[in-house]
Amino acid sequence: AGGTEAAALPNSAMFSPLSLPWWILPAYVAPAAVKLLEIAAVALGMQLLVRNRWKLPAFTAPLAALVFVSSGFMISWTNWPQTRVAALIPLLFWATDRLAIERRWIDVVPMALVTASLLLGGFPAVTAYAMYAAVAFYFVRAICGGLRFQEIFMSLLRAAVGVILGVALSAVQILPFLWFSTHYVDFEA
């Protein structure tokens, strides 16, 4: 491409953690390395969520990762930033599960890192849909986890702090994007 708008648009996903191969590898190798990082991110997220959090049998995490990375969405959009965002969804649900069930402030850190990675991933719509699903998942897990109202409120506060910290971590791209949107995009049309 002919360049980017000084990082004001997330379309190129140049700050995504999964775009790291583009910074250090030649252009003919980087797409394959990005795809391998996506697969590794999905596998890690499934392992942490399915095996470590939910204690399901050993075969479920690799099977879930295989189904996820071989889905039509992940295959057909492989050359676009959507898959870099979608590859982080299992990690988002893992972080959400920790916040919904555990009662520790340290669980804010994974949520902040995953939120920042999603926002830097280059496709805000997938991030928004994933966040909507994570909010619904959060309430189901918190209520089914037997938490009282006060515990759910504190857990929700920790989740909100994690998301706000994630937005702050990704402010290097979010703030220019907001400025670019308000100065160059005609919302009246």
N, C-alpha and C. Protein backbone atom coordinates (compact mmCIF):
# COMPACT_ATOMS: atom_id res chain seq x y z
N ALA A 1 0.85 -1.17 0.00
CA ALA A 1 0.00 0.00 0.00
C ALA A 1 0.89 1.24 0.00
N GLY A 2 0.31 2.37 -0.30
CA GLY A 2 1.05 3.60 -0.42
C GLY A 2 1.36 4.27 0.89
N GLY A 3 1.23 3.59 1.99
CA GLY A 3 1.51 4.18 3.28
C GLY A 3 0.28 4.15 4.17
N THR A 4 0.36 4.83 5.28
CA THR A 4 -0.76 4.87 6.21
C THR A 4 -0.92 6.29 6.73
N GLU A 5 -2.04 6.59 7.27
CA GLU A 5 -2.39 7.94 7.72
C GLU A 5 -1.76 8.23 9.07
N ALA A 6 -0.46 8.05 9.20
CA ALA A 6 0.27 8.30 10.44
C ALA A 6 -0.39 7.60 11.63
N ALA A 7 -0.83 6.39 11.41
CA ALA A 7 -1.46 5.55 12.44
C ALA A 7 -2.82 6.06 12.88
N ALA A 8 -3.42 6.97 12.13
CA ALA A 8 -4.73 7.49 12.50
C ALA A 8 -5.85 6.52 12.18
N LEU A 9 -5.62 5.63 11.27
CA LEU A 9 -6.62 4.61 10.96
C LEU A 9 -6.05 3.24 11.34
N PRO A 10 -6.86 2.42 11.98
CA PRO A 10 -6.35 1.12 12.40
C PRO A 10 -6.37 0.07 11.29
N ASN A 11 -6.72 0.45 10.06
CA ASN A 11 -6.91 -0.52 8.98
C ASN A 11 -5.71 -1.42 8.75
N SER A 12 -4.51 -0.89 8.90
CA SER A 12 -3.32 -1.69 8.61
C SER A 12 -2.93 -2.58 9.78
N ALA A 13 -3.46 -2.34 10.95
CA ALA A 13 -3.16 -3.13 12.15
C ALA A 13 -1.68 -3.18 12.44
N MET A 14 -0.98 -2.10 12.15
CA MET A 14 0.46 -2.12 12.31
C MET A 14 0.92 -2.17 13.76
N PHE A 15 0.06 -1.82 14.71
CA PHE A 15 0.42 -1.88 16.13
C PHE A 15 -0.12 -3.12 16.83
N SER A 16 -0.80 -3.98 16.11
CA SER A 16 -1.31 -5.20 16.70
C SER A 16 -0.15 -6.11 17.12
N PRO A 17 -0.24 -6.75 18.28
CA PRO A 17 0.82 -7.68 18.68
C PRO A 17 0.99 -8.83 17.68
N LEU A 18 -0.08 -9.17 16.98
CA LEU A 18 0.00 -10.25 16.01
C LEU A 18 0.60 -9.79 14.68
N SER A 19 0.83 -8.49 14.54
CA SER A 19 1.48 -7.95 13.34
C SER A 19 2.99 -7.83 13.51
N LEU A 20 3.50 -8.28 14.61
CA LEU A 20 4.93 -8.18 14.88
C LEU A 20 5.82 -8.73 13.76
N PRO A 21 5.47 -9.85 13.11
CA PRO A 21 6.33 -10.33 12.02
C PRO A 21 6.55 -9.32 10.91
N TRP A 22 5.59 -8.43 10.67
CA TRP A 22 5.77 -7.42 9.63
C TRP A 22 6.88 -6.45 9.98
N TRP A 23 7.19 -6.30 11.25
CA TRP A 23 8.23 -5.37 11.69
C TRP A 23 9.63 -5.98 11.59
N ILE A 24 9.73 -7.32 11.64
CA ILE A 24 11.06 -7.93 11.73
C ILE A 24 11.38 -8.92 10.61
N LEU A 25 10.39 -9.35 9.85
CA LEU A 25 10.62 -10.35 8.80
C LEU A 25 10.43 -9.73 7.42
N PRO A 26 11.02 -10.36 6.40
CA PRO A 26 10.78 -9.87 5.04
C PRO A 26 9.31 -10.04 4.65
N ALA A 27 8.88 -9.24 3.69
CA ALA A 27 7.47 -9.21 3.29
C ALA A 27 6.99 -10.55 2.73
N TYR A 28 7.86 -11.37 2.17
CA TYR A 28 7.42 -12.64 1.62
C TYR A 28 7.24 -13.71 2.70
N VAL A 29 7.71 -13.47 3.92
CA VAL A 29 7.58 -14.44 5.02
C VAL A 29 6.57 -13.97 6.06
N ALA A 30 6.40 -12.65 6.19
CA ALA A 30 5.58 -12.09 7.25
C ALA A 30 4.13 -12.59 7.28
N PRO A 31 3.43 -12.72 6.14
CA PRO A 31 2.03 -13.20 6.24
C PRO A 31 1.92 -14.60 6.86
N ALA A 32 2.83 -15.48 6.53
CA ALA A 32 2.80 -16.83 7.12
C ALA A 32 3.08 -16.77 8.62
N ALA A 33 4.01 -15.92 9.02
CA ALA A 33 4.33 -15.78 10.44
C ALA A 33 3.16 -15.17 11.21
N VAL A 34 2.45 -14.22 10.59
CA VAL A 34 1.26 -13.64 11.22
C VAL A 34 0.21 -14.73 11.43
N LYS A 35 0.00 -15.55 10.42
CA LYS A 35 -0.99 -16.62 10.54
C LYS A 35 -0.59 -17.61 11.64
N LEU A 36 0.70 -17.93 11.74
CA LEU A 36 1.16 -18.81 12.81
C LEU A 36 0.95 -18.17 14.19
N LEU A 37 1.18 -16.87 14.30
CA LEU A 37 0.91 -16.18 15.56
C LEU A 37 -0.58 -16.18 15.89
N GLU A 38 -1.42 -16.03 14.88
CA GLU A 38 -2.86 -16.12 15.11
C GLU A 38 -3.25 -17.49 15.66
N ILE A 39 -2.72 -18.53 15.03
CA ILE A 39 -3.01 -19.90 15.49
C ILE A 39 -2.51 -20.09 16.91
N ALA A 40 -1.32 -19.57 17.21
CA ALA A 40 -0.78 -19.69 18.57
C ALA A 40 -1.64 -18.92 19.58
N ALA A 41 -2.14 -17.75 19.20
CA ALA A 41 -3.00 -16.97 20.10
C ALA A 41 -4.31 -17.70 20.37
N VAL A 42 -4.90 -18.28 19.34
CA VAL A 42 -6.13 -19.05 19.52
C VAL A 42 -5.87 -20.27 20.40
N ALA A 43 -4.78 -20.99 20.13
CA ALA A 43 -4.45 -22.18 20.92
C ALA A 43 -4.21 -21.82 22.38
N LEU A 44 -3.50 -20.73 22.62
CA LEU A 44 -3.27 -20.29 24.00
C LEU A 44 -4.57 -19.92 24.67
N GLY A 45 -5.41 -19.16 23.98
CA GLY A 45 -6.70 -18.77 24.56
C GLY A 45 -7.59 -19.96 24.87
N MET A 46 -7.63 -20.92 23.96
CA MET A 46 -8.45 -22.12 24.20
C MET A 46 -7.88 -22.95 25.35
N GLN A 47 -6.57 -23.05 25.42
CA GLN A 47 -5.96 -23.80 26.52
C GLN A 47 -6.29 -23.14 27.86
N LEU A 48 -6.13 -21.84 27.93
CA LEU A 48 -6.39 -21.13 29.18
C LEU A 48 -7.87 -21.17 29.56
N LEU A 49 -8.75 -21.06 28.58
CA LEU A 49 -10.18 -21.03 28.88
C LEU A 49 -10.75 -22.43 29.10
N VAL A 50 -10.56 -23.29 28.12
CA VAL A 50 -11.23 -24.60 28.13
C VAL A 50 -10.57 -25.57 29.12
N ARG A 51 -9.25 -25.60 29.14
CA ARG A 51 -8.54 -26.55 30.02
C ARG A 51 -8.34 -25.99 31.42
N ASN A 52 -7.74 -24.80 31.49
CA ASN A 52 -7.36 -24.28 32.80
C ASN A 52 -8.54 -23.71 33.59
N ARG A 53 -9.44 -23.00 32.93
CA ARG A 53 -10.56 -22.40 33.65
C ARG A 53 -11.71 -23.39 33.85
N TRP A 54 -12.09 -24.09 32.78
CA TRP A 54 -13.27 -24.93 32.85
C TRP A 54 -12.95 -26.39 33.14
N LYS A 55 -11.68 -26.76 33.16
CA LYS A 55 -11.23 -28.12 33.52
C LYS A 55 -11.86 -29.21 32.65
N LEU A 56 -12.02 -28.92 31.35
CA LEU A 56 -12.55 -29.93 30.43
C LEU A 56 -11.44 -30.91 30.06
N PRO A 57 -11.76 -32.05 29.47
CA PRO A 57 -10.74 -33.05 29.11
C PRO A 57 -9.66 -32.48 28.20
N ALA A 58 -8.52 -33.15 28.18
CA ALA A 58 -7.32 -32.65 27.49
C ALA A 58 -7.54 -32.43 26.00
N PHE A 59 -8.35 -33.27 25.35
CA PHE A 59 -8.51 -33.15 23.90
C PHE A 59 -9.35 -31.94 23.49
N THR A 60 -10.07 -31.32 24.43
CA THR A 60 -11.00 -30.25 24.05
C THR A 60 -10.29 -28.96 23.63
N ALA A 61 -9.20 -28.61 24.25
CA ALA A 61 -8.51 -27.37 23.90
C ALA A 61 -7.93 -27.43 22.48
N PRO A 62 -7.17 -28.48 22.11
CA PRO A 62 -6.69 -28.52 20.72
C PRO A 62 -7.82 -28.63 19.71
N LEU A 63 -8.87 -29.38 20.06
CA LEU A 63 -10.01 -29.50 19.15
C LEU A 63 -10.71 -28.15 18.97
N ALA A 64 -10.92 -27.44 20.05
CA ALA A 64 -11.57 -26.13 19.97
C ALA A 64 -10.70 -25.16 19.17
N ALA A 65 -9.39 -25.19 19.38
CA ALA A 65 -8.49 -24.32 18.62
C ALA A 65 -8.52 -24.67 17.13
N LEU A 66 -8.53 -25.96 16.82
CA LEU A 66 -8.57 -26.39 15.42
C LEU A 66 -9.87 -25.94 14.75
N VAL A 67 -10.98 -26.11 15.42
CA VAL A 67 -12.27 -25.70 14.87
C VAL A 67 -12.29 -24.19 14.66
N PHE A 68 -11.78 -23.44 15.63
CA PHE A 68 -11.79 -21.98 15.54
C PHE A 68 -10.93 -21.49 14.38
N VAL A 69 -9.68 -21.96 14.29
CA VAL A 69 -8.77 -21.43 13.26
C VAL A 69 -9.11 -21.95 11.87
N SER A 70 -9.86 -23.04 11.77
CA SER A 70 -10.23 -23.55 10.44
C SER A 70 -11.65 -23.14 10.05
N SER A 71 -12.25 -22.23 10.82
CA SER A 71 -13.60 -21.77 10.48
C SER A 71 -13.54 -20.93 9.21
N GLY A 72 -14.67 -20.80 8.56
CA GLY A 72 -14.74 -20.06 7.32
C GLY A 72 -14.29 -18.62 7.47
N PHE A 73 -14.64 -18.00 8.59
CA PHE A 73 -14.24 -16.61 8.81
C PHE A 73 -12.73 -16.47 8.86
N MET A 74 -12.07 -17.33 9.62
CA MET A 74 -10.62 -17.23 9.78
C MET A 74 -9.88 -17.58 8.48
N ILE A 75 -10.48 -18.39 7.64
CA ILE A 75 -9.84 -18.75 6.38
C ILE A 75 -10.09 -17.68 5.31
N SER A 76 -11.35 -17.28 5.16
CA SER A 76 -11.69 -16.37 4.06
C SER A 76 -11.16 -14.95 4.27
N TRP A 77 -10.98 -14.52 5.50
CA TRP A 77 -10.49 -13.18 5.78
C TRP A 77 -9.02 -13.18 6.19
N THR A 78 -8.30 -14.20 5.83
CA THR A 78 -6.95 -14.38 6.33
C THR A 78 -5.98 -13.27 5.92
N ASN A 79 -6.24 -12.58 4.84
CA ASN A 79 -5.33 -11.52 4.41
C ASN A 79 -5.77 -10.13 4.89
N TRP A 80 -6.73 -10.08 5.79
CA TRP A 80 -7.22 -8.82 6.32
C TRP A 80 -7.03 -8.80 7.84
N PRO A 81 -7.10 -7.62 8.46
CA PRO A 81 -6.89 -7.54 9.92
C PRO A 81 -7.99 -8.19 10.76
N GLN A 82 -9.13 -8.51 10.16
CA GLN A 82 -10.21 -9.11 10.94
C GLN A 82 -9.76 -10.36 11.69
N THR A 83 -8.94 -11.17 11.05
CA THR A 83 -8.53 -12.42 11.69
C THR A 83 -7.55 -12.16 12.83
N ARG A 84 -6.79 -11.05 12.75
CA ARG A 84 -5.89 -10.72 13.85
C ARG A 84 -6.67 -10.32 15.09
N VAL A 85 -7.82 -9.73 14.88
CA VAL A 85 -8.69 -9.38 16.01
C VAL A 85 -9.41 -10.64 16.50
N ALA A 86 -9.96 -11.40 15.58
CA ALA A 86 -10.73 -12.59 15.97
C ALA A 86 -9.86 -13.62 16.68
N ALA A 87 -8.59 -13.69 16.36
CA ALA A 87 -7.70 -14.65 17.03
C ALA A 87 -7.56 -14.36 18.51
N LEU A 88 -7.88 -13.17 18.93
CA LEU A 88 -7.76 -12.80 20.35
C LEU A 88 -9.05 -13.03 21.13
N ILE A 89 -10.12 -13.43 20.46
CA ILE A 89 -11.41 -13.62 21.14
C ILE A 89 -11.34 -14.68 22.24
N PRO A 90 -10.70 -15.84 22.03
CA PRO A 90 -10.60 -16.78 23.15
C PRO A 90 -9.88 -16.20 24.37
N LEU A 91 -8.87 -15.38 24.14
CA LEU A 91 -8.18 -14.72 25.26
C LEU A 91 -9.10 -13.71 25.94
N LEU A 92 -9.95 -13.03 25.17
CA LEU A 92 -10.91 -12.10 25.76
C LEU A 92 -11.88 -12.85 26.67
N PHE A 93 -12.36 -13.99 26.23
CA PHE A 93 -13.30 -14.76 27.05
C PHE A 93 -12.62 -15.35 28.27
N TRP A 94 -11.36 -15.71 28.15
CA TRP A 94 -10.60 -16.18 29.31
C TRP A 94 -10.46 -15.07 30.34
N ALA A 95 -10.08 -13.86 29.88
CA ALA A 95 -9.94 -12.73 30.79
C ALA A 95 -11.29 -12.36 31.42
N THR A 96 -12.35 -12.43 30.63
CA THR A 96 -13.69 -12.13 31.13
C THR A 96 -14.11 -13.15 32.18
N ASP A 97 -13.83 -14.42 31.93
CA ASP A 97 -14.16 -15.48 32.88
C ASP A 97 -13.44 -15.27 34.21
N ARG A 98 -12.18 -14.89 34.14
CA ARG A 98 -11.42 -14.62 35.37
C ARG A 98 -12.05 -13.47 36.15
N LEU A 99 -12.43 -12.41 35.46
CA LEU A 99 -13.04 -11.26 36.14
C LEU A 99 -14.41 -11.59 36.71
N ALA A 100 -15.15 -12.46 36.04
CA ALA A 100 -16.50 -12.79 36.50
C ALA A 100 -16.49 -13.70 37.72
N ILE A 101 -15.50 -14.56 37.83
CA ILE A 101 -15.50 -15.56 38.90
C ILE A 101 -14.55 -15.21 40.04
N GLU A 102 -13.34 -14.83 39.70
CA GLU A 102 -12.34 -14.51 40.72
C GLU A 102 -12.64 -13.15 41.34
N ARG A 103 -12.09 -12.91 42.49
CA ARG A 103 -12.29 -11.63 43.15
C ARG A 103 -10.93 -10.98 43.44
N ARG A 104 -10.14 -10.83 42.36
CA ARG A 104 -8.80 -10.27 42.53
C ARG A 104 -8.61 -9.10 41.57
N TRP A 105 -7.94 -8.07 42.04
CA TRP A 105 -7.67 -6.92 41.20
C TRP A 105 -6.61 -7.21 40.15
N ILE A 106 -5.77 -8.22 40.37
CA ILE A 106 -4.74 -8.56 39.39
C ILE A 106 -5.35 -9.03 38.07
N ASP A 107 -6.59 -9.50 38.10
CA ASP A 107 -7.26 -9.96 36.88
C ASP A 107 -7.62 -8.81 35.95
N VAL A 108 -7.41 -7.58 36.39
CA VAL A 108 -7.61 -6.42 35.53
C VAL A 108 -6.53 -6.40 34.43
N VAL A 109 -5.34 -6.87 34.76
CA VAL A 109 -4.21 -6.80 33.82
C VAL A 109 -4.46 -7.59 32.54
N PRO A 110 -4.87 -8.87 32.61
CA PRO A 110 -5.15 -9.57 31.34
C PRO A 110 -6.24 -8.91 30.52
N MET A 111 -7.27 -8.39 31.18
CA MET A 111 -8.34 -7.72 30.44
C MET A 111 -7.81 -6.47 29.74
N ALA A 112 -6.96 -5.72 30.41
CA ALA A 112 -6.39 -4.52 29.80
C ALA A 112 -5.52 -4.87 28.60
N LEU A 113 -4.69 -5.88 28.73
CA LEU A 113 -3.80 -6.27 27.63
C LEU A 113 -4.59 -6.80 26.43
N VAL A 114 -5.59 -7.62 26.70
CA VAL A 114 -6.40 -8.17 25.61
C VAL A 114 -7.22 -7.07 24.95
N THR A 115 -7.80 -6.17 25.73
CA THR A 115 -8.58 -5.07 25.16
C THR A 115 -7.71 -4.19 24.27
N ALA A 116 -6.52 -3.86 24.75
CA ALA A 116 -5.61 -3.04 23.95
C ALA A 116 -5.23 -3.77 22.66
N SER A 117 -4.96 -5.06 22.76
CA SER A 117 -4.60 -5.83 21.57
C SER A 117 -5.75 -5.90 20.57
N LEU A 118 -6.97 -6.05 21.07
CA LEU A 118 -8.14 -6.05 20.19
C LEU A 118 -8.28 -4.70 19.48
N LEU A 119 -8.15 -3.62 20.22
CA LEU A 119 -8.32 -2.29 19.63
C LEU A 119 -7.21 -1.96 18.64
N LEU A 120 -6.02 -2.44 18.90
CA LEU A 120 -4.90 -2.20 17.98
C LEU A 120 -4.93 -3.16 16.80
N GLY A 121 -5.84 -4.13 16.83
CA GLY A 121 -5.88 -5.17 15.82
C GLY A 121 -6.33 -4.76 14.44
N GLY A 122 -6.93 -3.62 14.29
CA GLY A 122 -7.21 -3.13 12.96
C GLY A 122 -8.62 -3.29 12.45
N PHE A 123 -9.52 -3.80 13.27
CA PHE A 123 -10.89 -3.91 12.79
C PHE A 123 -11.85 -3.71 13.96
N PRO A 124 -12.28 -2.47 14.18
CA PRO A 124 -13.11 -2.15 15.34
C PRO A 124 -14.44 -2.89 15.41
N ALA A 125 -15.03 -3.26 14.26
CA ALA A 125 -16.33 -3.94 14.29
C ALA A 125 -16.21 -5.30 14.96
N VAL A 126 -15.19 -6.07 14.64
CA VAL A 126 -15.00 -7.37 15.28
C VAL A 126 -14.74 -7.18 16.76
N THR A 127 -13.98 -6.14 17.11
CA THR A 127 -13.74 -5.84 18.52
C THR A 127 -15.05 -5.54 19.24
N ALA A 128 -15.89 -4.73 18.62
CA ALA A 128 -17.17 -4.37 19.25
C ALA A 128 -18.05 -5.60 19.43
N TYR A 129 -18.16 -6.44 18.41
CA TYR A 129 -18.97 -7.65 18.53
C TYR A 129 -18.43 -8.58 19.60
N ALA A 130 -17.12 -8.71 19.66
CA ALA A 130 -16.51 -9.57 20.69
C ALA A 130 -16.78 -9.01 22.08
N MET A 131 -16.71 -7.70 22.23
CA MET A 131 -16.97 -7.08 23.53
C MET A 131 -18.43 -7.25 23.94
N TYR A 132 -19.35 -7.09 22.98
CA TYR A 132 -20.77 -7.33 23.28
C TYR A 132 -20.98 -8.75 23.79
N ALA A 133 -20.39 -9.70 23.10
CA ALA A 133 -20.53 -11.10 23.52
C ALA A 133 -19.87 -11.34 24.87
N ALA A 134 -18.74 -10.68 25.11
CA ALA A 134 -18.03 -10.85 26.39
C ALA A 134 -18.85 -10.28 27.55
N VAL A 135 -19.56 -9.19 27.32
CA VAL A 135 -20.41 -8.62 28.38
C VAL A 135 -21.53 -9.60 28.74
N ALA A 136 -22.18 -10.16 27.74
CA ALA A 136 -23.23 -11.15 28.00
C ALA A 136 -22.65 -12.37 28.70
N PHE A 137 -21.51 -12.84 28.24
CA PHE A 137 -20.84 -13.99 28.86
C PHE A 137 -20.48 -13.66 30.31
N TYR A 138 -20.02 -12.44 30.55
CA TYR A 138 -19.66 -12.02 31.90
C TYR A 138 -20.84 -12.16 32.85
N PHE A 139 -22.00 -11.63 32.45
CA PHE A 139 -23.16 -11.67 33.34
C PHE A 139 -23.64 -13.10 33.57
N VAL A 140 -23.61 -13.92 32.54
CA VAL A 140 -24.00 -15.32 32.72
C VAL A 140 -23.06 -16.02 33.70
N ARG A 141 -21.75 -15.84 33.52
CA ARG A 141 -20.78 -16.48 34.42
C ARG A 141 -20.88 -15.95 35.84
N ALA A 142 -21.07 -14.64 36.00
CA ALA A 142 -21.14 -14.06 37.34
C ALA A 142 -22.40 -14.53 38.07
N ILE A 143 -23.51 -14.57 37.38
CA ILE A 143 -24.76 -14.99 38.02
C ILE A 143 -24.74 -16.48 38.29
N CYS A 144 -24.31 -17.28 37.31
CA CYS A 144 -24.25 -18.73 37.52
C CYS A 144 -23.14 -19.13 38.49
N GLY A 145 -22.16 -18.26 38.67
CA GLY A 145 -21.08 -18.54 39.62
C GLY A 145 -21.50 -18.34 41.06
N GLY A 146 -22.71 -17.90 41.27
CA GLY A 146 -23.23 -17.76 42.63
C GLY A 146 -22.74 -16.52 43.35
N LEU A 147 -22.28 -15.52 42.62
CA LEU A 147 -21.83 -14.30 43.27
C LEU A 147 -23.02 -13.47 43.74
N ARG A 148 -22.85 -12.83 44.89
CA ARG A 148 -23.90 -11.93 45.38
C ARG A 148 -23.84 -10.62 44.60
N PHE A 149 -24.86 -9.79 44.78
CA PHE A 149 -24.96 -8.54 44.02
C PHE A 149 -23.74 -7.65 44.25
N GLN A 150 -23.30 -7.52 45.50
CA GLN A 150 -22.15 -6.67 45.80
C GLN A 150 -20.88 -7.23 45.14
N GLU A 151 -20.72 -8.54 45.14
CA GLU A 151 -19.56 -9.15 44.49
C GLU A 151 -19.61 -8.94 42.98
N ILE A 152 -20.81 -9.05 42.40
CA ILE A 152 -20.96 -8.82 40.96
C ILE A 152 -20.63 -7.37 40.64
N PHE A 153 -21.06 -6.43 41.47
CA PHE A 153 -20.76 -5.02 41.24
C PHE A 153 -19.26 -4.77 41.29
N MET A 154 -18.57 -5.32 42.29
CA MET A 154 -17.13 -5.13 42.39
C MET A 154 -16.41 -5.80 41.22
N SER A 155 -16.89 -6.95 40.83
CA SER A 155 -16.31 -7.63 39.68
C SER A 155 -16.52 -6.83 38.40
N LEU A 156 -17.69 -6.25 38.27
CA LEU A 156 -17.99 -5.40 37.11
C LEU A 156 -17.10 -4.15 37.12
N LEU A 157 -16.86 -3.61 38.29
CA LEU A 157 -15.96 -2.47 38.42
C LEU A 157 -14.54 -2.84 37.96
N ARG A 158 -14.07 -4.01 38.38
CA ARG A 158 -12.75 -4.47 37.93
C ARG A 158 -12.71 -4.66 36.42
N ALA A 159 -13.78 -5.20 35.86
CA ALA A 159 -13.83 -5.38 34.40
C ALA A 159 -13.80 -4.03 33.69
N ALA A 160 -14.53 -3.06 34.21
CA ALA A 160 -14.55 -1.72 33.60
C ALA A 160 -13.17 -1.07 33.69
N VAL A 161 -12.50 -1.25 34.81
CA VAL A 161 -11.15 -0.71 34.96
C VAL A 161 -10.21 -1.37 33.95
N GLY A 162 -10.36 -2.68 33.75
CA GLY A 162 -9.54 -3.38 32.77
C GLY A 162 -9.75 -2.86 31.35
N VAL A 163 -11.01 -2.65 30.99
CA VAL A 163 -11.31 -2.13 29.65
C VAL A 163 -10.79 -0.71 29.50
N ILE A 164 -10.97 0.12 30.51
CA ILE A 164 -10.48 1.51 30.45
C ILE A 164 -8.95 1.52 30.33
N LEU A 165 -8.27 0.68 31.08
CA LEU A 165 -6.81 0.59 30.96
C LEU A 165 -6.41 0.10 29.57
N GLY A 166 -7.18 -0.82 29.01
CA GLY A 166 -6.90 -1.29 27.65
C GLY A 166 -7.06 -0.19 26.63
N VAL A 167 -8.10 0.63 26.78
CA VAL A 167 -8.28 1.77 25.88
C VAL A 167 -7.12 2.75 26.06
N ALA A 168 -6.69 2.96 27.30
CA ALA A 168 -5.57 3.86 27.55
C ALA A 168 -4.28 3.32 26.92
N LEU A 169 -4.08 2.02 27.01
CA LEU A 169 -2.88 1.42 26.40
C LEU A 169 -2.89 1.57 24.88
N SER A 170 -4.06 1.55 24.29
CA SER A 170 -4.17 1.67 22.84
C SER A 170 -4.43 3.11 22.40
N ALA A 171 -4.31 4.07 23.32
CA ALA A 171 -4.58 5.47 23.00
C ALA A 171 -3.65 6.01 21.92
N VAL A 172 -2.49 5.40 21.77
CA VAL A 172 -1.57 5.84 20.74
C VAL A 172 -2.20 5.73 19.35
N GLN A 173 -3.17 4.85 19.21
CA GLN A 173 -3.88 4.74 17.93
C GLN A 173 -5.32 5.23 18.04
N ILE A 174 -5.94 5.09 19.18
CA ILE A 174 -7.34 5.49 19.34
C ILE A 174 -7.50 7.01 19.23
N LEU A 175 -6.64 7.77 19.88
CA LEU A 175 -6.76 9.23 19.84
C LEU A 175 -6.57 9.81 18.44
N PRO A 176 -5.53 9.40 17.69
CA PRO A 176 -5.44 9.89 16.30
C PRO A 176 -6.62 9.44 15.44
N PHE A 177 -7.14 8.23 15.70
CA PHE A 177 -8.30 7.75 14.96
C PHE A 177 -9.52 8.64 15.23
N LEU A 178 -9.74 9.00 16.49
CA LEU A 178 -10.86 9.88 16.83
C LEU A 178 -10.68 11.25 16.20
N TRP A 179 -9.45 11.79 16.24
CA TRP A 179 -9.21 13.08 15.62
C TRP A 179 -9.44 13.01 14.12
N PHE A 180 -8.91 11.97 13.48
CA PHE A 180 -9.09 11.80 12.04
C PHE A 180 -10.57 11.68 11.70
N SER A 181 -11.32 10.93 12.49
CA SER A 181 -12.75 10.72 12.23
C SER A 181 -13.53 12.02 12.36
N THR A 182 -13.21 12.83 13.34
CA THR A 182 -13.97 14.06 13.54
C THR A 182 -13.57 15.17 12.58
N HIS A 183 -12.40 15.07 11.97
CA HIS A 183 -11.95 16.13 11.07
C HIS A 183 -12.07 15.79 9.58
N TYR A 184 -12.10 14.52 9.24
CA TYR A 184 -12.10 14.15 7.83
C TYR A 184 -13.28 13.30 7.38
N VAL A 185 -14.04 12.76 8.30
CA VAL A 185 -15.19 11.94 7.95
C VAL A 185 -16.44 12.80 8.08
N ASP A 186 -17.24 12.83 7.02
CA ASP A 186 -18.47 13.61 7.01
C ASP A 186 -19.62 12.74 7.53
N PHE A 187 -19.97 12.92 8.80
CA PHE A 187 -21.02 12.12 9.40
C PHE A 187 -22.43 12.60 9.03
N GLU A 188 -22.52 13.80 8.44
CA GLU A 188 -23.83 14.31 8.03
C GLU A 188 -24.39 13.54 6.84
N ALA A 189 -23.54 12.97 6.03
CA ALA A 189 -24.00 12.19 4.89
C ALA A 189 -24.54 10.88 5.36
